[in-house]
Protein backbone atom coordinates (compact mmCIF):
# COMPACT_ATOMS: atom_id res chain seq x y z
CA MET A 1 -5.97 -88.97 -51.49
CA ARG A 2 -3.89 -85.78 -51.36
CA ARG A 3 -5.40 -84.84 -54.73
CA ASN A 4 -8.91 -85.08 -53.25
CA ALA A 5 -7.87 -83.02 -50.22
CA VAL A 6 -6.56 -80.23 -52.47
CA LEU A 7 -9.75 -80.30 -54.55
CA PHE A 8 -11.97 -80.01 -51.48
CA VAL A 9 -9.97 -77.07 -50.15
CA ALA A 10 -10.17 -75.38 -53.57
CA ILE A 11 -13.94 -75.91 -53.61
CA SER A 12 -14.16 -74.28 -50.17
CA LEU A 13 -12.17 -71.30 -51.40
CA LEU A 14 -14.39 -70.81 -54.44
CA SER A 15 -17.64 -71.29 -52.55
CA GLY A 16 -16.55 -69.10 -49.66
CA PHE A 17 -15.44 -66.23 -51.87
CA GLY A 18 -18.55 -66.18 -54.04
CA SER A 19 -21.08 -66.55 -51.24
CA THR A 20 -19.38 -64.03 -48.93
CA ALA A 21 -19.17 -61.38 -51.62
CA MET A 22 -22.78 -61.86 -52.69
CA ALA A 23 -24.13 -62.05 -49.12
CA LEU A 24 -22.78 -58.58 -48.40
CA VAL A 25 -23.86 -57.05 -51.71
CA ALA A 26 -27.40 -58.49 -51.66
CA GLY A 27 -28.38 -56.44 -48.61
CA ILE A 28 -26.69 -53.28 -49.88
CA TRP A 29 -28.32 -53.71 -53.29
CA ILE A 30 -31.81 -54.06 -51.81
CA LEU A 31 -31.18 -51.07 -49.54
CA ASP A 32 -30.14 -48.93 -52.50
CA LEU A 33 -33.14 -50.04 -54.56
CA THR A 34 -35.80 -49.68 -51.87
CA GLY A 35 -34.32 -47.32 -49.29
CA SER A 36 -35.58 -49.68 -46.57
CA PRO A 37 -33.15 -51.19 -44.03
CA ALA A 38 -35.89 -53.57 -42.91
CA ARG A 39 -36.33 -54.96 -46.42
CA ALA A 40 -32.57 -55.23 -46.77
CA GLY A 41 -32.47 -57.31 -43.60
CA LEU A 42 -34.92 -59.81 -45.07
CA ALA A 43 -32.19 -61.00 -47.43
CA GLY A 44 -30.48 -62.69 -44.50
CA LEU A 45 -33.73 -64.37 -43.48
CA CYS A 46 -34.05 -65.88 -46.96
CA VAL A 47 -30.54 -67.31 -46.68
CA TYR A 48 -31.02 -68.94 -43.25
CA ALA A 49 -34.65 -70.08 -43.51
CA PRO A 50 -33.92 -73.22 -45.63
CA ALA A 51 -31.72 -74.58 -42.83
CA LEU A 52 -34.89 -75.46 -40.94
CA ALA A 53 -35.73 -77.95 -43.71
CA GLY A 54 -32.25 -79.46 -43.54
CA PRO A 55 -33.22 -82.99 -42.42
CA TRP A 56 -35.63 -83.41 -45.33
CA LEU A 57 -33.34 -81.79 -47.91
CA GLY A 58 -30.52 -83.98 -46.65
CA GLY A 59 -32.63 -87.03 -47.40
CA LEU A 60 -32.16 -86.30 -51.11
CA LEU A 61 -28.46 -86.99 -50.68
CA ASP A 62 -29.24 -90.49 -49.45
CA ARG A 63 -31.52 -91.29 -52.39
CA ILE A 64 -29.67 -89.64 -55.30
CA PRO A 65 -26.00 -90.09 -56.29
CA ARG A 66 -24.24 -87.41 -54.29
CA ARG A 67 -21.66 -86.09 -56.73
CA PRO A 68 -24.22 -85.46 -59.54
CA LEU A 69 -26.50 -83.72 -57.03
CA LEU A 70 -23.68 -81.45 -55.84
CA ILE A 71 -22.69 -80.62 -59.41
CA GLY A 72 -26.31 -79.95 -60.36
CA THR A 73 -26.84 -77.73 -57.31
CA ASN A 74 -23.83 -75.60 -58.23
CA LEU A 75 -24.96 -75.27 -61.84
CA ALA A 76 -28.47 -74.27 -60.75
CA LEU A 77 -27.03 -71.69 -58.35
CA ALA A 78 -24.93 -70.20 -61.14
CA VAL A 79 -28.02 -69.84 -63.35
CA ALA A 80 -29.94 -68.20 -60.49
CA LEU A 81 -27.13 -65.70 -59.91
CA LEU A 82 -26.95 -64.78 -63.58
CA SER A 83 -30.65 -63.90 -63.50
CA LEU A 84 -29.75 -60.90 -61.32
CA VAL A 85 -28.32 -59.18 -64.39
CA ALA A 86 -31.95 -58.26 -65.16
CA VAL A 87 -32.46 -56.32 -61.89
CA ARG A 88 -32.89 -52.63 -62.57
CA SER A 89 -35.50 -51.24 -60.14
CA ALA A 90 -37.10 -51.68 -56.73
CA GLY A 91 -39.90 -53.67 -58.32
CA GLN A 92 -37.38 -56.36 -59.23
CA ALA A 93 -35.94 -56.67 -55.70
CA ALA A 94 -37.98 -59.85 -55.29
CA LEU A 95 -35.54 -61.50 -57.67
CA ILE A 96 -32.71 -60.79 -55.24
CA TYR A 97 -34.74 -62.40 -52.45
CA ALA A 98 -35.29 -65.45 -54.67
CA VAL A 99 -31.56 -65.76 -55.30
CA CYS A 100 -30.87 -65.43 -51.55
CA LEU A 101 -33.33 -68.27 -51.00
CA ALA A 102 -31.50 -70.29 -53.66
CA TYR A 103 -28.27 -69.62 -51.80
CA GLY A 104 -29.86 -70.87 -48.59
CA LEU A 105 -31.04 -74.06 -50.27
CA SER A 106 -27.62 -74.59 -51.82
CA TYR A 107 -25.92 -74.13 -48.44
CA VAL A 108 -27.96 -76.98 -46.97
CA LEU A 109 -27.41 -79.33 -49.91
CA LEU A 110 -23.75 -78.48 -50.47
CA ASP A 111 -22.72 -78.53 -46.81
CA ALA A 112 -24.48 -81.82 -46.14
CA GLY A 113 -23.40 -83.20 -49.50
CA GLU A 114 -19.74 -82.45 -48.93
CA SER A 115 -19.90 -83.97 -45.46
CA ALA A 116 -21.46 -87.09 -46.97
CA LEU A 117 -18.97 -87.22 -49.85
CA LEU A 118 -15.77 -86.67 -47.87
CA PRO A 119 -15.66 -90.14 -46.28
CA ALA A 120 -15.77 -91.69 -49.77
CA ALA A 121 -12.88 -89.47 -50.87
CA LEU A 122 -10.56 -89.54 -47.84
CA PRO A 123 -9.42 -92.06 -45.22
CA PRO A 124 -11.04 -91.63 -41.77
CA ASP A 125 -7.82 -90.40 -40.15
CA ARG A 126 -7.63 -87.46 -42.59
CA LEU A 127 -11.17 -86.15 -42.09
CA GLY A 128 -10.41 -83.84 -39.16
CA GLU A 129 -7.33 -82.41 -40.86
CA VAL A 130 -9.08 -81.71 -44.16
CA ASN A 131 -12.14 -80.28 -42.39
CA GLY A 132 -9.77 -77.88 -40.64
CA TRP A 133 -8.16 -76.88 -43.92
CA ARG A 134 -11.58 -76.30 -45.47
CA SER A 135 -12.59 -74.12 -42.53
CA SER A 136 -9.40 -72.07 -42.82
CA ALA A 137 -9.97 -71.64 -46.55
CA GLN A 138 -13.53 -70.40 -46.05
CA GLU A 139 -12.56 -68.06 -43.24
CA GLY A 140 -9.66 -66.75 -45.30
CA THR A 141 -12.02 -65.63 -48.03
CA LYS A 142 -13.84 -63.47 -45.47
CA LEU A 143 -10.75 -61.29 -45.23
CA VAL A 144 -10.87 -60.48 -48.95
CA ALA A 145 -14.33 -61.21 -50.38
CA PRO A 146 -16.29 -58.45 -48.56
CA LEU A 147 -13.86 -55.78 -49.77
CA ALA A 148 -13.78 -57.20 -53.28
CA GLY A 149 -17.57 -57.48 -53.45
CA ALA A 150 -18.18 -54.00 -52.07
CA GLY A 151 -15.54 -52.49 -54.36
CA LEU A 152 -16.91 -54.17 -57.47
CA TYR A 153 -20.45 -53.14 -56.49
CA ALA A 154 -19.38 -49.50 -56.11
CA TRP A 155 -17.57 -49.62 -59.46
CA ARG A 156 -19.86 -51.65 -61.72
CA GLY A 157 -23.03 -52.35 -59.72
CA GLY A 158 -24.75 -55.45 -58.39
CA ALA A 159 -24.96 -57.24 -61.73
CA ALA A 160 -21.16 -57.40 -61.95
CA VAL A 161 -20.97 -58.98 -58.48
CA ALA A 162 -23.63 -61.50 -59.49
CA VAL A 163 -21.65 -62.51 -62.58
CA LEU A 164 -18.44 -62.87 -60.54
CA SER A 165 -20.28 -64.94 -57.92
CA ALA A 166 -21.78 -67.16 -60.65
CA VAL A 167 -18.32 -68.10 -61.88
CA MET A 168 -17.50 -69.63 -58.48
CA PRO A 169 -20.13 -72.42 -58.43
CA LEU A 170 -19.36 -73.19 -62.08
CA ALA A 171 -15.72 -73.76 -61.18
CA ALA A 172 -16.71 -75.73 -58.06
CA ALA A 173 -18.89 -78.02 -60.19
CA ALA A 174 -15.90 -78.77 -62.40
CA LEU A 175 -13.76 -79.62 -59.37
CA TYR A 176 -16.41 -81.99 -58.00
CA ALA A 177 -16.20 -83.87 -61.29
CA LEU A 178 -12.43 -84.37 -60.79
CA LEU A 179 -12.75 -86.09 -57.40
CA ARG A 180 -11.70 -89.73 -57.19
CA LEU A 181 -14.21 -91.60 -55.04
CA ARG A 182 -14.10 -95.14 -53.75
CA SER A 183 -17.22 -97.27 -53.93
CA VAL A 184 -19.23 -97.83 -50.75
CA PRO A 185 -21.24 -101.04 -50.22
CA PRO A 186 -25.04 -100.66 -50.05
CA PRO A 187 -26.68 -100.85 -46.62
CA PRO A 188 -27.67 -104.34 -45.49
CA VAL A 189 -30.87 -103.03 -43.89
CA PRO A 190 -33.73 -100.86 -45.22
CA VAL A 191 -33.00 -97.15 -45.14
CA GLU A 192 -34.95 -95.21 -42.53
CA ARG A 193 -36.79 -92.19 -43.80
CA GLY A 194 -37.35 -88.64 -42.69
CA LEU A 195 -36.22 -86.68 -39.67
CA ARG A 196 -36.32 -89.74 -37.40
CA ALA A 197 -33.36 -91.36 -39.16
CA GLY A 198 -31.07 -88.38 -38.64
CA LEU A 199 -32.12 -87.81 -35.06
CA GLY A 200 -31.80 -91.51 -34.31
CA VAL A 201 -28.11 -91.60 -35.24
CA LEU A 202 -27.41 -88.41 -33.28
CA ARG A 203 -29.24 -89.74 -30.24
CA ARG A 204 -27.47 -93.09 -30.15
CA SER A 205 -23.95 -91.64 -30.20
CA ARG A 206 -22.71 -89.65 -27.22
CA THR A 207 -19.93 -88.16 -29.33
CA LEU A 208 -22.41 -86.85 -31.89
CA ARG A 209 -24.86 -85.60 -29.25
CA VAL A 210 -22.20 -83.70 -27.35
CA THR A 211 -20.27 -82.19 -30.25
CA VAL A 212 -23.38 -81.10 -32.16
CA ALA A 213 -24.91 -79.63 -28.99
CA LEU A 214 -21.74 -77.69 -28.14
CA ALA A 215 -21.52 -76.34 -31.69
CA GLY A 216 -25.20 -75.35 -31.56
CA VAL A 217 -24.71 -73.49 -28.27
CA SER A 218 -21.56 -71.69 -29.43
CA ILE A 219 -22.92 -70.74 -32.85
CA GLY A 220 -26.22 -69.69 -31.27
CA MET A 221 -24.39 -67.46 -28.79
CA SER A 222 -22.37 -65.93 -31.62
CA GLY A 223 -25.69 -64.83 -33.12
CA PHE A 224 -26.96 -63.69 -29.72
CA THR A 225 -23.94 -61.38 -29.24
CA THR A 226 -24.21 -59.65 -32.62
CA ALA A 227 -26.33 -56.70 -31.46
CA PRO A 228 -24.64 -56.46 -28.02
CA LEU A 229 -21.23 -56.23 -29.71
CA TYR A 230 -22.49 -53.36 -31.85
CA ALA A 231 -23.67 -51.62 -28.67
CA VAL A 232 -20.34 -52.13 -26.90
CA VAL A 233 -18.33 -50.77 -29.82
CA VAL A 234 -20.50 -47.81 -30.80
CA ASP A 235 -22.24 -46.82 -27.55
CA ASP A 236 -20.00 -47.95 -24.69
CA MET A 237 -16.62 -47.45 -26.35
CA ALA A 238 -17.67 -44.56 -28.64
CA LEU A 239 -15.67 -46.12 -31.46
CA PRO A 240 -16.60 -45.68 -35.12
CA SER A 241 -18.75 -48.43 -36.59
CA ALA A 242 -15.89 -49.20 -38.99
CA PHE A 243 -14.09 -50.77 -36.01
CA LEU A 244 -16.51 -53.68 -36.37
CA GLY A 245 -14.72 -54.48 -39.62
CA VAL A 246 -11.43 -54.63 -37.72
CA LEU A 247 -12.96 -57.09 -35.26
CA LEU A 248 -14.37 -59.19 -38.10
CA SER A 249 -10.96 -59.38 -39.76
CA ALA A 250 -9.32 -60.27 -36.44
CA GLN A 251 -11.86 -63.02 -35.88
CA GLY A 252 -11.20 -64.32 -39.38
CA ALA A 253 -7.47 -64.44 -38.67
CA GLY A 254 -8.11 -66.52 -35.56
CA SER A 255 -10.36 -68.86 -37.54
CA ILE A 256 -7.66 -69.48 -40.13
CA VAL A 257 -5.21 -70.56 -37.44
CA ALA A 258 -7.88 -72.64 -35.72
CA GLY A 259 -8.63 -74.57 -38.87
CA LEU A 260 -4.98 -75.38 -39.50
CA VAL A 261 -4.51 -77.03 -36.09
CA ALA A 262 -7.96 -78.54 -35.58
CA GLY A 263 -7.18 -81.82 -37.33
CA ARG A 264 -4.15 -82.52 -35.16
CA LEU A 265 -6.09 -81.69 -32.00
CA ILE A 266 -8.90 -84.05 -32.96
CA ALA A 267 -6.44 -86.83 -33.76
CA ALA A 268 -4.69 -86.34 -30.42
CA ARG A 269 -7.64 -85.63 -28.09
CA GLY A 270 -10.82 -86.62 -29.87
CA GLU A 271 -13.87 -84.69 -31.06
CA ILE A 272 -15.48 -84.14 -27.64
CA ALA A 273 -12.32 -82.65 -26.12
CA VAL A 274 -11.91 -80.26 -29.06
CA GLY A 275 -15.59 -79.29 -28.91
CA VAL A 276 -15.35 -78.53 -25.18
CA ALA A 277 -12.11 -76.59 -25.63
CA GLY A 278 -13.59 -74.60 -28.50
CA THR A 279 -16.66 -73.67 -26.45
CA VAL A 280 -14.55 -72.46 -23.51
CA VAL A 281 -12.12 -70.55 -25.74
CA PHE A 282 -15.04 -68.90 -27.54
CA ALA A 283 -16.48 -67.83 -24.17
CA ALA A 284 -13.10 -66.33 -23.23
CA GLY A 285 -13.12 -64.37 -26.48
CA ILE A 286 -16.57 -62.99 -25.70
CA LEU A 287 -15.42 -61.82 -22.27
CA CYS A 288 -12.30 -60.15 -23.70
CA ARG A 289 -14.50 -58.17 -26.08
CA CYS A 290 -16.31 -56.79 -23.02
CA LEU A 291 -13.14 -55.10 -21.73
CA PRO A 292 -13.03 -51.28 -22.07
CA TRP A 293 -9.83 -51.25 -24.16
CA TRP A 294 -9.88 -51.66 -27.90
CA PRO A 295 -6.68 -53.79 -28.18
CA ALA A 296 -8.27 -56.25 -25.73
CA MET A 297 -11.39 -56.32 -27.89
CA ALA A 298 -9.30 -57.11 -30.96
CA ALA A 299 -7.50 -59.86 -29.06
CA GLY A 300 -10.88 -61.18 -27.94
CA ALA A 301 -12.00 -61.35 -31.56
CA VAL A 302 -8.95 -63.47 -32.43
CA ILE A 303 -9.64 -65.75 -29.44
CA ALA A 304 -13.33 -66.11 -30.31
CA GLY A 305 -12.38 -66.77 -33.92
CA THR A 306 -10.16 -69.59 -32.72
CA GLY A 307 -12.70 -71.30 -30.48
CA LEU A 308 -15.84 -71.13 -32.61
CA PRO A 309 -14.49 -73.11 -35.61
CA TRP A 310 -13.19 -75.83 -33.28
CA THR A 311 -16.72 -76.57 -32.13
CA LEU A 312 -17.97 -76.79 -35.72
CA ILE A 313 -15.04 -78.82 -37.05
CA ALA A 314 -15.32 -81.28 -34.15
CA ALA A 315 -19.02 -81.82 -34.78
CA VAL A 316 -18.70 -82.16 -38.56
CA THR A 317 -15.80 -84.61 -38.23
CA ALA A 318 -17.73 -86.68 -35.68
CA VAL A 319 -20.71 -86.89 -38.04
CA GLN A 320 -18.55 -87.96 -40.96
CA ALA A 321 -16.62 -90.55 -38.96
CA ARG A 322 -19.52 -92.09 -37.00
CA THR A 323 -22.43 -92.22 -39.42
CA PRO A 324 -23.22 -95.11 -41.79
CA ASP A 325 -22.93 -94.14 -45.44
CA HIS A 326 -26.59 -94.64 -46.33
CA LEU A 327 -27.61 -92.06 -43.68
CA LEU A 328 -24.80 -89.52 -44.10
CA GLY A 329 -26.88 -87.04 -46.11
CA ARG A 330 -29.76 -86.69 -43.68
CA VAL A 331 -27.60 -86.96 -40.55
CA SER A 332 -25.28 -84.22 -41.84
CA ALA A 333 -28.25 -82.00 -42.68
CA THR A 334 -29.98 -82.72 -39.36
CA ALA A 335 -26.77 -81.88 -37.51
CA ALA A 336 -26.45 -78.65 -39.52
CA THR A 337 -29.99 -77.67 -38.55
CA ALA A 338 -29.20 -78.36 -34.90
CA MET A 339 -26.00 -76.30 -35.09
CA PHE A 340 -27.18 -73.32 -37.13
CA GLY A 341 -30.91 -73.30 -36.39
CA PRO A 342 -30.44 -71.66 -32.94
CA VAL A 343 -29.13 -68.53 -34.66
CA ALA A 344 -32.64 -67.81 -35.96
CA VAL A 345 -33.86 -67.55 -32.35
CA ALA A 346 -30.74 -66.26 -30.61
CA ASN A 347 -30.18 -63.32 -32.95
CA PRO A 348 -33.49 -61.54 -32.22
CA LEU A 349 -33.17 -62.42 -28.52
CA GLY A 350 -29.81 -60.64 -28.51
CA SER A 351 -31.44 -57.62 -30.12
CA VAL A 352 -33.91 -57.53 -27.24
CA ALA A 353 -31.30 -58.24 -24.54
CA VAL A 354 -29.15 -55.34 -25.72
CA HIS A 355 -31.66 -52.94 -24.16
CA ALA A 356 -30.27 -54.04 -20.78
CA GLY A 357 -26.76 -53.18 -21.96
CA GLY A 358 -24.28 -54.70 -24.39
CA ARG A 359 -21.81 -56.03 -21.83
CA PRO A 360 -24.36 -57.79 -19.57
CA ALA A 361 -25.78 -59.60 -22.61
CA MET A 362 -22.31 -60.70 -23.75
CA ILE A 363 -21.37 -61.89 -20.27
CA ALA A 364 -24.60 -63.92 -20.18
CA ALA A 365 -23.64 -65.54 -23.51
CA ALA A 366 -20.20 -66.45 -22.14
CA VAL A 367 -21.80 -67.99 -19.05
CA VAL A 368 -24.08 -70.13 -21.23
CA CYS A 369 -21.06 -71.43 -23.17
CA VAL A 370 -19.01 -72.21 -20.07
CA ALA A 371 -22.00 -73.89 -18.39
CA SER A 372 -22.51 -76.09 -21.47
CA ALA A 373 -18.87 -77.16 -21.49
CA ALA A 374 -18.96 -77.80 -17.74
CA ALA A 375 -22.07 -79.96 -18.11
CA VAL A 376 -20.21 -82.19 -20.55
CA LEU A 377 -17.17 -82.49 -18.30
CA LEU A 378 -19.10 -83.08 -15.08
CA ARG A 379 -21.80 -85.39 -16.34
CA PRO A 380 -20.71 -89.02 -15.90
CA ARG A 381 -20.60 -91.11 -19.03
CA ARG A 382 -23.18 -93.86 -19.00
CA GLY A 383 -21.97 -96.89 -20.90
CA PRO A 384 -20.01 -97.06 -24.14
CA ASP A 385 -20.66 -94.83 -27.11
CA ARG A 386 -22.98 -96.73 -29.42
CA SER A 387 -21.17 -95.33 -32.45
CA ASP A 388 -18.03 -96.96 -33.74
CA PRO A 389 -15.09 -95.59 -31.73
CA ALA A 390 -12.78 -96.31 -34.61
CA GLY A 391 -14.87 -94.16 -36.94
CA ARG A 392 -16.82 -94.92 -40.05
CA SER A 393 -14.49 -97.75 -41.07
CA GLY A 394 -16.40 -100.02 -38.68
CA TRP A 395 -19.53 -99.53 -40.75
CA LEU A 396 -17.68 -100.48 -43.89
CA THR A 397 -16.68 -103.79 -42.29
CA GLY A 398 -20.13 -104.49 -40.94
CA THR A 399 -19.35 -103.80 -37.26
CA TRP A 400 -21.09 -100.45 -36.84
CA ARG A 401 -23.40 -100.75 -33.83
CA GLY A 402 -25.55 -97.60 -34.22
């Protein structure tokens, strides 16, 4: 199983590097071609929009063999990226949007697919640990990939970045083929279809409800504070905009550490405790970034970078450990929509709230996070969790009660 763990971490490194480099360059490329910041911003919308269709896209993973679908998705993404070699003028910017949309679709399928595949590749007690390693690997690429992508773009142009990014999914597809998977028995009952199946599993398990909700709140508030943080750095602190890069790197450093210890925390305290702790720590990081002293802001970025991945890792691990195999694809995708979908609303709300001041908006986001964690701690638990407390192994022995 150690072989599979190494392969999954390597896949995360490859995917994280390629997608991070291309995500940065896509917007810059469109801006250079069209001269329009607004049109450049639409690249991000193309990437995140497919997440709203996550529950239905995830259903594919429950009807088609998962490893072939993941390999095919990576190969298709590589072909889409190579098509960008043809981009030469503003009239061809639509091709960049199409590739961003392809990236968004691949994110949904690959994230849900990996979550559904991991339990067939690793024992239940290793899921939290490997999820933490994968998170650290992806965050680590964010320290290098933006600089590498921007440097290659300045030297050789967007086509060179597209070719480099295309190599990553090709290599990831090869690594998927090397995984050693154990067989999983077919479900003894008919498979539910559509959004209802994913929501049903989330609703029946308190652990899934709580961890996914906490991750959704924290990730949503991270999007809400984007514009306010810009205002605090540039307007309130009168610091150069380049300082935002320092904060991003500091947050990435915190995320690497968070991923390395997340598995042990989950094993010792459980997914809900780690999700609550991550939400509170993330709120503390937001508040530190409100302080009028740049070292405190940098420290706050490290703290926020520690807390935010904990909420995500806790939720993903809970989904993998407490979902029957025949529903893992759609439940993983439904959970991803619940966790990342709020960003689509919270981000523009933060852009509006910043007119009242950057710090008040960030303090409000911290209050929302703390209130969410407090609600979990103070609300009495009503009856046992209807998911298997021992994890997904109960489903494999026919005792899963969801």
